[in-house]
Protein backbone atom coordinates (compact mmCIF):
# COMPACT_ATOMS: atom_id res chain seq x y z
CA UNK A 1 4.10 -1.95 -17.68
CA UNK A 2 1.04 -4.23 -17.45
CA UNK A 3 1.90 -5.24 -13.91
CA UNK A 4 2.52 -1.64 -12.83
CA UNK A 5 -0.98 -0.81 -14.09
CA UNK A 6 -2.53 -3.83 -12.37
CA UNK A 7 -0.80 -3.05 -9.06
CA UNK A 8 -1.72 0.62 -9.34
CA UNK A 9 -5.39 -0.17 -9.99
CA UNK A 10 -5.50 -2.77 -7.23
CA UNK A 11 -3.95 -0.32 -4.78
CA UNK A 12 -6.48 2.34 -5.72
CA UNK A 13 -9.34 -0.12 -5.22
CA UNK A 14 -8.04 -1.26 -1.84
CA UNK A 15 -7.59 2.35 -0.73
CA UNK A 16 -11.16 3.20 -1.76
CA UNK A 17 -12.46 0.24 0.25
CA UNK A 18 -10.23 1.14 3.23
CA UNK A 19 -11.25 4.81 3.34
CA UNK A 20 -14.89 3.98 2.66
CA UNK A 21 -15.04 1.57 5.57
CA UNK A 22 -13.12 4.07 7.68
CA UNK A 23 -15.77 6.70 7.00
CA UNK A 24 -18.40 4.28 8.31
CA UNK A 25 -16.49 4.14 11.59
CA UNK A 26 -16.85 7.91 11.87
CA UNK A 27 -20.60 7.69 11.28
CA UNK A 28 -20.72 8.38 7.53
CA UNK A 29 -23.24 5.82 6.31
CA UNK A 30 -22.64 7.04 2.74
CA UNK A 31 -19.26 5.26 2.97
CA UNK A 32 -17.46 8.26 1.50
CA UNK A 33 -14.11 7.14 0.15
CA UNK A 34 -11.14 8.82 -1.47
CA UNK A 35 -7.72 8.33 -2.93
CA UNK A 36 -5.19 10.48 -4.77
CA UNK A 37 -3.91 10.32 -8.32
CA UNK A 38 -0.41 10.18 -6.83
CA UNK A 39 -1.26 6.80 -5.34
CA UNK A 40 -1.52 5.05 -8.70
CA UNK A 41 2.23 5.16 -9.47
CA UNK A 42 3.06 4.62 -5.80
CA UNK A 43 1.02 1.41 -5.70
CA UNK A 44 2.51 0.53 -9.08
CA UNK A 45 5.90 0.41 -7.35
CA UNK A 46 4.74 -2.93 -5.95
CA UNK A 47 6.37 -4.44 -9.02
CA UNK A 48 9.68 -3.84 -7.23
CA UNK A 49 8.54 -6.23 -4.48
CA UNK A 50 8.21 -9.19 -6.84
CA UNK A 51 11.88 -10.29 -6.54
CA UNK A 52 11.55 -10.03 -2.75
CA UNK A 53 8.50 -12.29 -2.90
CA UNK A 54 10.43 -14.82 -4.99
CA UNK A 55 13.21 -14.78 -2.38
CA UNK A 56 11.05 -15.10 0.76
CA UNK A 57 8.17 -17.19 -0.58
CA UNK A 58 9.05 -20.22 1.61
CA UNK A 59 9.32 -18.18 4.81
CA UNK A 60 6.55 -18.51 7.41
CA UNK A 61 3.56 -16.19 6.99
CA UNK A 62 4.45 -14.08 10.03
CA UNK A 63 7.94 -13.39 8.63
CA UNK A 64 6.72 -12.58 5.10
CA UNK A 65 3.96 -10.33 6.43
CA UNK A 66 6.49 -8.54 8.61
CA UNK A 67 8.73 -7.92 5.60
CA UNK A 68 5.78 -6.52 3.62
CA UNK A 69 4.74 -4.32 6.50
CA UNK A 70 8.23 -2.83 6.80
CA UNK A 71 8.58 -2.37 3.04
CA UNK A 72 5.18 -0.71 2.79
CA UNK A 73 6.04 1.65 5.63
CA UNK A 74 9.35 2.46 3.93
CA UNK A 75 7.71 3.18 0.57
CA UNK A 76 4.90 5.19 2.15
CA UNK A 77 7.35 7.27 4.19
CA UNK A 78 9.82 7.79 1.34
CA UNK A 79 7.23 8.69 -1.30
CA UNK A 80 5.42 10.98 1.15
CA UNK A 81 8.69 12.68 2.05
CA UNK A 82 9.61 13.12 -1.63
CA UNK A 83 6.20 14.58 -2.48
CA UNK A 84 6.32 16.87 0.54
CA UNK A 85 9.81 18.03 -0.42
CA UNK A 86 8.98 18.61 -4.09
CA UNK A 87 5.39 19.87 -3.81
CA UNK A 88 5.41 21.34 -0.33
CA UNK A 89 2.75 18.85 0.79
CA UNK A 90 2.02 15.14 0.77
CA UNK A 91 -1.38 13.82 -0.32
CA UNK A 92 -1.85 12.21 3.07
CA UNK A 93 -1.25 13.78 6.45
CA UNK A 94 -1.38 11.58 9.52
CA UNK A 95 -0.20 14.32 11.89
CA UNK A 96 -3.39 14.07 13.93
CA UNK A 97 -3.01 10.33 14.53
CA UNK A 98 -1.49 9.10 17.76
CA UNK A 99 0.99 6.65 16.27
CA UNK A 100 2.24 8.77 13.35
CA UNK A 101 5.82 9.37 12.31
CA UNK A 102 6.29 12.85 10.82
CA UNK A 103 2.70 12.69 9.58
CA UNK A 104 3.80 10.31 6.83
CA UNK A 105 3.09 6.88 8.26
CA UNK A 106 0.82 5.47 10.95
CA UNK A 107 2.21 2.60 12.96
CA UNK A 108 -1.32 1.47 13.84
CA UNK A 109 -1.72 0.59 10.15
CA UNK A 110 0.83 -2.21 10.57
CA UNK A 111 -1.80 -5.00 10.41
CA UNK A 112 -3.26 -3.52 7.21
CA UNK A 113 0.15 -3.41 5.49
CA UNK A 114 0.90 -6.92 6.76
CA UNK A 115 -2.30 -8.22 5.15
CA UNK A 116 -1.92 -6.13 1.98
CA UNK A 117 1.54 -7.59 1.41
CA UNK A 118 0.20 -11.12 1.67
CA UNK A 119 -2.61 -10.22 -0.73
CA UNK A 120 -0.12 -8.82 -3.23
CA UNK A 121 1.78 -12.14 -3.02
CA UNK A 122 -1.36 -13.86 -4.28
CA UNK A 123 -1.71 -11.31 -7.08
CA UNK A 124 1.95 -11.78 -8.04
CA UNK A 125 1.48 -15.56 -8.20
CA UNK A 126 -1.71 -15.12 -10.27
CA UNK A 127 0.11 -12.82 -12.71
CA UNK A 128 2.92 -15.37 -13.06
CA UNK A 129 0.53 -18.29 -13.58
CA UNK A 130 -1.37 -16.35 -16.23
CA UNK A 131 1.83 -15.21 -17.93
CA UNK A 132 1.09 -11.51 -17.56
CA UNK A 133 4.52 -10.01 -17.99
CA UNK A 134 5.67 -6.48 -17.22
């Protein structure tokens, strides 16, 4: 449970930074940022990626990053679809973006998911080295 909490909090923090910097690009010098409570358990699902990391850790960076990108897209799409099905809406809606798929994922976010996956590898290794168990 500790790792789920750590991954959830880290995901929230990264999303706040991402949306805050994104607001700057639209001219909001206040760096307005946001996230959703739903994102905490979704980012917490990163714990399920730990065995994948253990399996692919010796792969080249480009291959590992590609795996993370695809897994992140899959989780984002699936959780968005589930929330939309159950609640009638998903917290995020990318319908207005050019490279969206069903409003649930944005293909132009591929580099961000690539990098986030590599960052989460470092966090996973740190958690292991510091014996922080689930």
